[in-house]
């Protein structure tokens, strides 16, 4: 009989510690430090519903953020806002286009990158929008 309470206690300790481990690898928004919350602010509304893989990616970006140039920081913030303003359907379409581009030969990918760089140089008010 002595083993049963010990087994129950062990199980209880393990089950109570599992969410803490899970939570630290998948921190909730309020569990982020102030610098992380500031960097990841565009993601605040969606953060707690994100899966662990996405959180890990964004936390890596937040860690690198202080070492970025001001223009890289600005671009990163805009990309976060743009991405999370898309509907789930639009995000899926972007992912599919990305996969298609990744399958292209390197010279074709370079051509697309160059066209994009050229497009980015055009003032926003002169870009042809869809």
N, C-alpha and C. Protein backbone atom coordinates (compact mmCIF):
# COMPACT_ATOMS: atom_id res chain seq x y z
N UNK A 1 0.81 -1.20 0.00
CA UNK A 1 0.00 0.00 0.00
C UNK A 1 0.85 1.26 0.00
N UNK A 2 2.01 1.22 0.58
CA UNK A 2 2.87 2.39 0.67
C UNK A 2 3.29 2.86 -0.73
N UNK A 3 3.39 1.92 -1.66
CA UNK A 3 3.80 2.29 -3.01
C UNK A 3 2.72 3.09 -3.72
N UNK A 4 1.50 2.80 -3.46
CA UNK A 4 0.42 3.47 -4.17
C UNK A 4 0.42 4.98 -3.91
N UNK A 5 0.48 5.45 -2.67
CA UNK A 5 0.54 6.90 -2.47
C UNK A 5 1.80 7.51 -3.07
N UNK A 6 2.89 6.78 -3.00
CA UNK A 6 4.12 7.28 -3.60
C UNK A 6 3.97 7.39 -5.11
N UNK A 7 3.37 6.40 -5.73
CA UNK A 7 3.14 6.44 -7.17
C UNK A 7 2.21 7.59 -7.54
N UNK A 8 1.16 7.78 -6.73
CA UNK A 8 0.22 8.87 -6.98
C UNK A 8 0.95 10.21 -6.84
N UNK A 9 1.76 10.35 -5.81
CA UNK A 9 2.51 11.60 -5.60
C UNK A 9 3.46 11.86 -6.77
N UNK A 10 4.15 10.81 -7.22
CA UNK A 10 5.06 10.96 -8.35
C UNK A 10 4.30 11.39 -9.59
N UNK A 11 3.17 10.71 -9.86
CA UNK A 11 2.36 11.05 -11.03
C UNK A 11 1.87 12.48 -10.94
N UNK A 12 1.42 12.90 -9.76
CA UNK A 12 0.92 14.25 -9.57
C UNK A 12 2.02 15.28 -9.81
N UNK A 13 3.20 15.02 -9.27
CA UNK A 13 4.33 15.94 -9.49
C UNK A 13 4.67 16.05 -10.96
N UNK A 14 4.70 14.92 -11.64
CA UNK A 14 5.03 14.92 -13.06
C UNK A 14 3.96 15.64 -13.87
N UNK A 15 2.71 15.41 -13.56
CA UNK A 15 1.64 16.04 -14.33
C UNK A 15 1.57 17.54 -14.06
N UNK A 16 1.90 17.96 -12.84
CA UNK A 16 1.89 19.39 -12.54
C UNK A 16 3.08 20.10 -13.16
N UNK A 17 4.21 19.40 -13.28
CA UNK A 17 5.38 20.04 -13.86
C UNK A 17 5.32 20.05 -15.38
N UNK A 18 4.56 19.16 -16.00
CA UNK A 18 4.49 19.11 -17.46
C UNK A 18 3.96 20.40 -18.07
N UNK A 19 2.85 20.98 -17.55
CA UNK A 19 2.39 22.23 -18.14
C UNK A 19 3.42 23.34 -18.00
N UNK A 20 4.16 23.36 -16.89
CA UNK A 20 5.17 24.40 -16.71
C UNK A 20 6.25 24.26 -17.78
N UNK A 21 6.67 23.04 -18.05
CA UNK A 21 7.66 22.83 -19.09
C UNK A 21 7.09 23.23 -20.44
N UNK A 22 5.88 22.82 -20.69
CA UNK A 22 5.23 23.14 -21.95
C UNK A 22 5.07 24.64 -22.09
N UNK A 23 4.67 25.30 -20.99
CA UNK A 23 4.43 26.73 -21.04
C UNK A 23 5.73 27.49 -21.29
N UNK A 24 6.86 27.02 -20.70
CA UNK A 24 8.10 27.75 -20.91
C UNK A 24 8.58 27.60 -22.35
N UNK A 25 8.26 26.49 -22.99
CA UNK A 25 8.65 26.35 -24.39
C UNK A 25 7.63 27.03 -25.30
N UNK A 26 6.46 27.31 -24.75
CA UNK A 26 5.40 28.01 -25.48
C UNK A 26 4.88 29.13 -24.60
N UNK A 27 5.68 30.15 -24.34
CA UNK A 27 5.25 31.16 -23.38
C UNK A 27 4.01 31.93 -23.86
N UNK A 28 3.16 32.24 -22.89
CA UNK A 28 2.02 33.08 -23.18
C UNK A 28 2.52 34.51 -23.31
N UNK A 29 1.70 35.38 -23.88
CA UNK A 29 2.13 36.76 -24.13
C UNK A 29 2.63 37.43 -22.85
N UNK A 30 1.90 37.28 -21.76
CA UNK A 30 2.31 37.93 -20.51
C UNK A 30 3.57 37.31 -19.90
N UNK A 31 3.98 36.15 -20.40
CA UNK A 31 5.20 35.52 -19.92
C UNK A 31 6.45 35.99 -20.65
N UNK A 32 6.28 36.79 -21.70
CA UNK A 32 7.43 37.32 -22.42
C UNK A 32 8.02 38.49 -21.64
N UNK A 33 9.32 38.71 -21.83
CA UNK A 33 9.93 39.86 -21.16
C UNK A 33 9.55 41.15 -21.90
N UNK A 34 9.73 42.30 -21.28
CA UNK A 34 9.30 43.56 -21.91
C UNK A 34 9.91 43.80 -23.30
N UNK A 35 11.18 43.44 -23.48
CA UNK A 35 11.82 43.65 -24.78
C UNK A 35 11.17 42.77 -25.84
N UNK A 36 10.88 41.52 -25.49
CA UNK A 36 10.22 40.61 -26.44
C UNK A 36 8.83 41.13 -26.80
N UNK A 37 8.09 41.60 -25.80
CA UNK A 37 6.75 42.12 -26.08
C UNK A 37 6.80 43.36 -26.97
N UNK A 38 7.81 44.19 -26.75
CA UNK A 38 7.94 45.39 -27.59
C UNK A 38 8.24 45.02 -29.04
N UNK A 39 9.18 44.12 -29.25
CA UNK A 39 9.55 43.69 -30.59
C UNK A 39 8.40 42.97 -31.28
N UNK A 40 7.73 42.11 -30.54
CA UNK A 40 6.69 41.26 -31.11
C UNK A 40 5.29 41.87 -30.99
N UNK A 41 5.20 43.13 -30.65
CA UNK A 41 3.91 43.81 -30.44
C UNK A 41 2.90 43.57 -31.56
N UNK A 42 3.31 43.57 -32.84
CA UNK A 42 2.31 43.33 -33.89
C UNK A 42 1.64 41.95 -33.80
N UNK A 43 2.24 41.05 -33.04
CA UNK A 43 1.71 39.69 -32.93
C UNK A 43 0.91 39.47 -31.64
N UNK A 44 0.76 40.50 -30.84
CA UNK A 44 0.17 40.36 -29.51
C UNK A 44 -1.19 39.67 -29.52
N UNK A 45 -2.06 40.05 -30.43
CA UNK A 45 -3.41 39.49 -30.43
C UNK A 45 -3.43 38.00 -30.78
N UNK A 46 -2.48 37.56 -31.57
CA UNK A 46 -2.49 36.17 -32.02
C UNK A 46 -1.52 35.29 -31.24
N UNK A 47 -0.66 35.89 -30.41
CA UNK A 47 0.42 35.16 -29.78
C UNK A 47 -0.05 33.91 -29.02
N UNK A 48 -1.02 34.06 -28.15
CA UNK A 48 -1.41 32.94 -27.30
C UNK A 48 -2.04 31.79 -28.07
N UNK A 49 -2.51 32.05 -29.29
CA UNK A 49 -3.11 30.97 -30.08
C UNK A 49 -2.13 30.37 -31.10
N UNK A 50 -0.91 30.90 -31.16
CA UNK A 50 0.10 30.38 -32.09
C UNK A 50 0.63 29.04 -31.60
N UNK A 51 1.07 28.20 -32.56
CA UNK A 51 1.68 26.94 -32.16
C UNK A 51 3.14 27.18 -31.76
N UNK A 52 3.72 26.20 -31.10
CA UNK A 52 5.06 26.32 -30.54
C UNK A 52 6.11 26.61 -31.60
N UNK A 53 5.98 26.04 -32.78
CA UNK A 53 6.97 26.25 -33.84
C UNK A 53 7.01 27.72 -34.26
N UNK A 54 5.85 28.31 -34.43
CA UNK A 54 5.80 29.72 -34.82
C UNK A 54 6.34 30.62 -33.71
N UNK A 55 5.97 30.30 -32.47
CA UNK A 55 6.48 31.10 -31.36
C UNK A 55 8.00 31.04 -31.31
N UNK A 56 8.54 29.85 -31.51
CA UNK A 56 10.00 29.69 -31.47
C UNK A 56 10.66 30.54 -32.56
N UNK A 57 10.06 30.54 -33.75
CA UNK A 57 10.59 31.35 -34.86
C UNK A 57 10.58 32.83 -34.50
N UNK A 58 9.45 33.32 -33.99
CA UNK A 58 9.34 34.74 -33.66
C UNK A 58 10.24 35.11 -32.49
N UNK A 59 10.40 34.21 -31.51
CA UNK A 59 11.30 34.50 -30.40
C UNK A 59 12.75 34.59 -30.88
N UNK A 60 13.10 33.78 -31.87
CA UNK A 60 14.44 33.88 -32.47
C UNK A 60 14.64 35.23 -33.15
N UNK A 61 13.61 35.70 -33.82
CA UNK A 61 13.69 37.02 -34.48
C UNK A 61 13.81 38.11 -33.41
N UNK A 62 13.04 37.99 -32.33
CA UNK A 62 13.11 38.98 -31.25
C UNK A 62 14.50 39.01 -30.62
N UNK A 63 15.13 37.85 -30.54
CA UNK A 63 16.48 37.77 -29.96
C UNK A 63 17.50 38.48 -30.86
N UNK A 64 17.33 38.34 -32.19
CA UNK A 64 18.25 38.98 -33.13
C UNK A 64 17.95 40.46 -33.35
N UNK A 65 16.76 40.88 -33.00
CA UNK A 65 16.28 42.23 -33.29
C UNK A 65 17.22 43.35 -32.83
N UNK A 66 17.74 43.30 -31.59
CA UNK A 66 18.62 44.39 -31.15
C UNK A 66 19.88 44.56 -32.02
N UNK A 67 20.31 43.50 -32.65
CA UNK A 67 21.50 43.57 -33.50
C UNK A 67 21.22 44.01 -34.93
N UNK A 68 19.95 44.20 -35.24
CA UNK A 68 19.56 44.62 -36.60
C UNK A 68 19.77 46.13 -36.76
N UNK A 69 19.97 46.53 -38.00
CA UNK A 69 20.04 47.96 -38.29
C UNK A 69 18.63 48.54 -38.12
N UNK A 70 18.52 49.85 -37.94
CA UNK A 70 17.19 50.45 -37.83
C UNK A 70 16.28 50.13 -39.03
N UNK A 71 16.84 50.09 -40.23
CA UNK A 71 16.00 49.77 -41.39
C UNK A 71 15.55 48.31 -41.35
N UNK A 72 16.41 47.40 -40.89
CA UNK A 72 16.01 45.99 -40.76
C UNK A 72 14.93 45.84 -39.69
N UNK A 73 15.08 46.59 -38.59
CA UNK A 73 14.07 46.54 -37.54
C UNK A 73 12.73 47.03 -38.07
N UNK A 74 12.76 48.12 -38.80
CA UNK A 74 11.53 48.68 -39.37
C UNK A 74 10.88 47.68 -40.32
N UNK A 75 11.69 47.09 -41.20
CA UNK A 75 11.17 46.11 -42.16
C UNK A 75 10.57 44.90 -41.44
N UNK A 76 11.23 44.44 -40.39
CA UNK A 76 10.73 43.30 -39.62
C UNK A 76 9.38 43.63 -39.00
N UNK A 77 9.25 44.82 -38.42
CA UNK A 77 7.97 45.22 -37.83
C UNK A 77 6.87 45.28 -38.89
N UNK A 78 7.19 45.85 -40.05
CA UNK A 78 6.19 45.92 -41.12
C UNK A 78 5.78 44.54 -41.60
N UNK A 79 6.74 43.64 -41.73
CA UNK A 79 6.43 42.29 -42.18
C UNK A 79 5.53 41.57 -41.19
N UNK A 80 5.78 41.76 -39.90
CA UNK A 80 4.91 41.15 -38.89
C UNK A 80 3.49 41.69 -39.02
N UNK A 81 3.37 43.01 -39.13
CA UNK A 81 2.04 43.62 -39.25
C UNK A 81 1.34 43.13 -40.52
N UNK A 82 2.08 43.12 -41.62
CA UNK A 82 1.49 42.69 -42.89
C UNK A 82 1.03 41.24 -42.82
N UNK A 83 1.87 40.38 -42.29
CA UNK A 83 1.55 38.95 -42.23
C UNK A 83 0.30 38.71 -41.40
N UNK A 84 0.23 39.35 -40.24
CA UNK A 84 -0.90 39.10 -39.36
C UNK A 84 -2.14 39.91 -39.71
N UNK A 85 -2.05 40.73 -40.74
CA UNK A 85 -3.25 41.40 -41.24
C UNK A 85 -3.92 40.56 -42.34
N UNK A 86 -3.21 39.53 -42.82
CA UNK A 86 -3.77 38.65 -43.85
C UNK A 86 -4.79 37.69 -43.24
N UNK A 87 -5.74 37.30 -44.04
CA UNK A 87 -6.68 36.27 -43.61
C UNK A 87 -5.97 34.92 -43.68
N UNK A 88 -6.49 33.90 -43.02
CA UNK A 88 -5.88 32.57 -43.13
C UNK A 88 -5.77 32.09 -44.58
N UNK A 89 -6.77 32.41 -45.39
CA UNK A 89 -6.74 32.01 -46.80
C UNK A 89 -5.61 32.72 -47.55
N UNK A 90 -5.44 34.01 -47.27
CA UNK A 90 -4.35 34.75 -47.91
C UNK A 90 -2.99 34.23 -47.48
N UNK A 91 -2.86 33.88 -46.21
CA UNK A 91 -1.60 33.32 -45.73
C UNK A 91 -1.28 32.01 -46.44
N UNK A 92 -2.30 31.19 -46.61
CA UNK A 92 -2.10 29.90 -47.30
C UNK A 92 -1.66 30.13 -48.74
N UNK A 93 -2.26 31.11 -49.40
CA UNK A 93 -1.88 31.44 -50.77
C UNK A 93 -0.42 31.90 -50.84
N UNK A 94 -0.01 32.71 -49.88
CA UNK A 94 1.38 33.17 -49.83
C UNK A 94 2.31 31.98 -49.62
N UNK A 95 1.94 31.07 -48.72
CA UNK A 95 2.77 29.88 -48.47
C UNK A 95 2.91 29.04 -49.74
N UNK A 96 1.82 28.88 -50.47
CA UNK A 96 1.85 28.09 -51.71
C UNK A 96 2.74 28.76 -52.76
N UNK A 97 2.64 30.07 -52.87
CA UNK A 97 3.50 30.79 -53.82
C UNK A 97 4.96 30.65 -53.43
N UNK A 98 5.23 30.73 -52.13
CA UNK A 98 6.59 30.57 -51.64
C UNK A 98 7.14 29.19 -52.01
N UNK A 99 6.32 28.15 -51.79
CA UNK A 99 6.75 26.78 -52.13
C UNK A 99 7.04 26.66 -53.62
N UNK A 100 6.20 27.30 -54.43
CA UNK A 100 6.39 27.26 -55.89
C UNK A 100 7.70 27.93 -56.27
N UNK A 101 7.96 29.08 -55.67
CA UNK A 101 9.20 29.82 -55.98
C UNK A 101 10.42 29.03 -55.52
N UNK A 102 10.34 28.38 -54.36
CA UNK A 102 11.47 27.58 -53.86
C UNK A 102 11.85 26.45 -54.80
N UNK A 103 10.89 25.97 -55.59
CA UNK A 103 11.15 24.86 -56.52
C UNK A 103 11.78 25.33 -57.82
N UNK A 104 11.79 26.63 -58.06
CA UNK A 104 12.36 27.15 -59.31
C UNK A 104 13.87 27.03 -59.30
N UNK A 105 14.48 27.01 -60.49
CA UNK A 105 15.94 27.01 -60.55
C UNK A 105 16.49 28.31 -59.94
N UNK A 106 17.71 28.26 -59.42
CA UNK A 106 18.30 29.44 -58.77
C UNK A 106 18.27 30.71 -59.62
N UNK A 107 18.52 30.60 -60.92
CA UNK A 107 18.54 31.80 -61.76
C UNK A 107 17.15 32.43 -61.84
N UNK A 108 16.11 31.62 -61.88
CA UNK A 108 14.73 32.15 -61.92
C UNK A 108 14.38 32.80 -60.58
N UNK A 109 14.82 32.18 -59.47
CA UNK A 109 14.57 32.78 -58.15
C UNK A 109 15.28 34.13 -58.04
N UNK A 110 16.51 34.20 -58.54
CA UNK A 110 17.25 35.47 -58.52
C UNK A 110 16.52 36.54 -59.33
N UNK A 111 15.98 36.14 -60.46
CA UNK A 111 15.24 37.06 -61.32
C UNK A 111 14.02 37.62 -60.57
N UNK A 112 13.31 36.75 -59.86
CA UNK A 112 12.14 37.19 -59.09
C UNK A 112 12.58 38.13 -57.97
N UNK A 113 13.67 37.79 -57.28
CA UNK A 113 14.17 38.66 -56.20
C UNK A 113 14.54 40.04 -56.75
N UNK A 114 15.17 40.06 -57.90
CA UNK A 114 15.56 41.34 -58.48
C UNK A 114 14.33 42.16 -58.86
N UNK A 115 13.33 41.52 -59.44
CA UNK A 115 12.09 42.22 -59.78
C UNK A 115 11.44 42.79 -58.52
N UNK A 116 11.48 42.03 -57.42
CA UNK A 116 10.92 42.50 -56.17
C UNK A 116 11.70 43.70 -55.64
N UNK A 117 13.03 43.62 -55.69
CA UNK A 117 13.86 44.77 -55.26
C UNK A 117 13.54 46.01 -56.08
N UNK A 118 13.40 45.82 -57.39
CA UNK A 118 13.05 46.94 -58.27
C UNK A 118 11.70 47.52 -57.88
N UNK A 119 10.75 46.65 -57.60
CA UNK A 119 9.41 47.08 -57.21
C UNK A 119 9.45 47.88 -55.91
N UNK A 120 10.26 47.40 -54.96
CA UNK A 120 10.35 48.09 -53.66
C UNK A 120 10.94 49.49 -53.79
N UNK A 121 11.70 49.74 -54.82
CA UNK A 121 12.31 51.06 -55.03
C UNK A 121 11.31 52.08 -55.55
N UNK A 122 10.20 51.62 -56.07
CA UNK A 122 9.17 52.52 -56.58
C UNK A 122 8.42 53.11 -55.39
N UNK A 123 8.24 54.44 -55.35
CA UNK A 123 7.47 55.03 -54.24
C UNK A 123 6.08 54.39 -54.16
N UNK A 124 5.60 54.19 -52.94
CA UNK A 124 4.33 53.49 -52.73
C UNK A 124 3.17 54.10 -53.50
N UNK A 125 3.14 55.42 -53.60
CA UNK A 125 2.03 56.07 -54.29
C UNK A 125 2.08 55.86 -55.80
N UNK A 126 3.21 55.35 -56.32
CA UNK A 126 3.33 55.12 -57.75
C UNK A 126 3.25 53.63 -58.13
N UNK A 127 3.15 52.78 -57.11
CA UNK A 127 3.05 51.34 -57.38
C UNK A 127 1.66 51.00 -57.87
N UNK A 128 1.62 50.09 -58.82
CA UNK A 128 0.33 49.59 -59.28
C UNK A 128 -0.17 48.55 -58.30
N UNK A 129 -1.24 48.86 -57.58
CA UNK A 129 -1.76 47.92 -56.57
C UNK A 129 -2.87 47.08 -57.14
N UNK A 130 -3.16 46.01 -56.44
CA UNK A 130 -4.26 45.11 -56.85
C UNK A 130 -5.39 45.25 -55.88
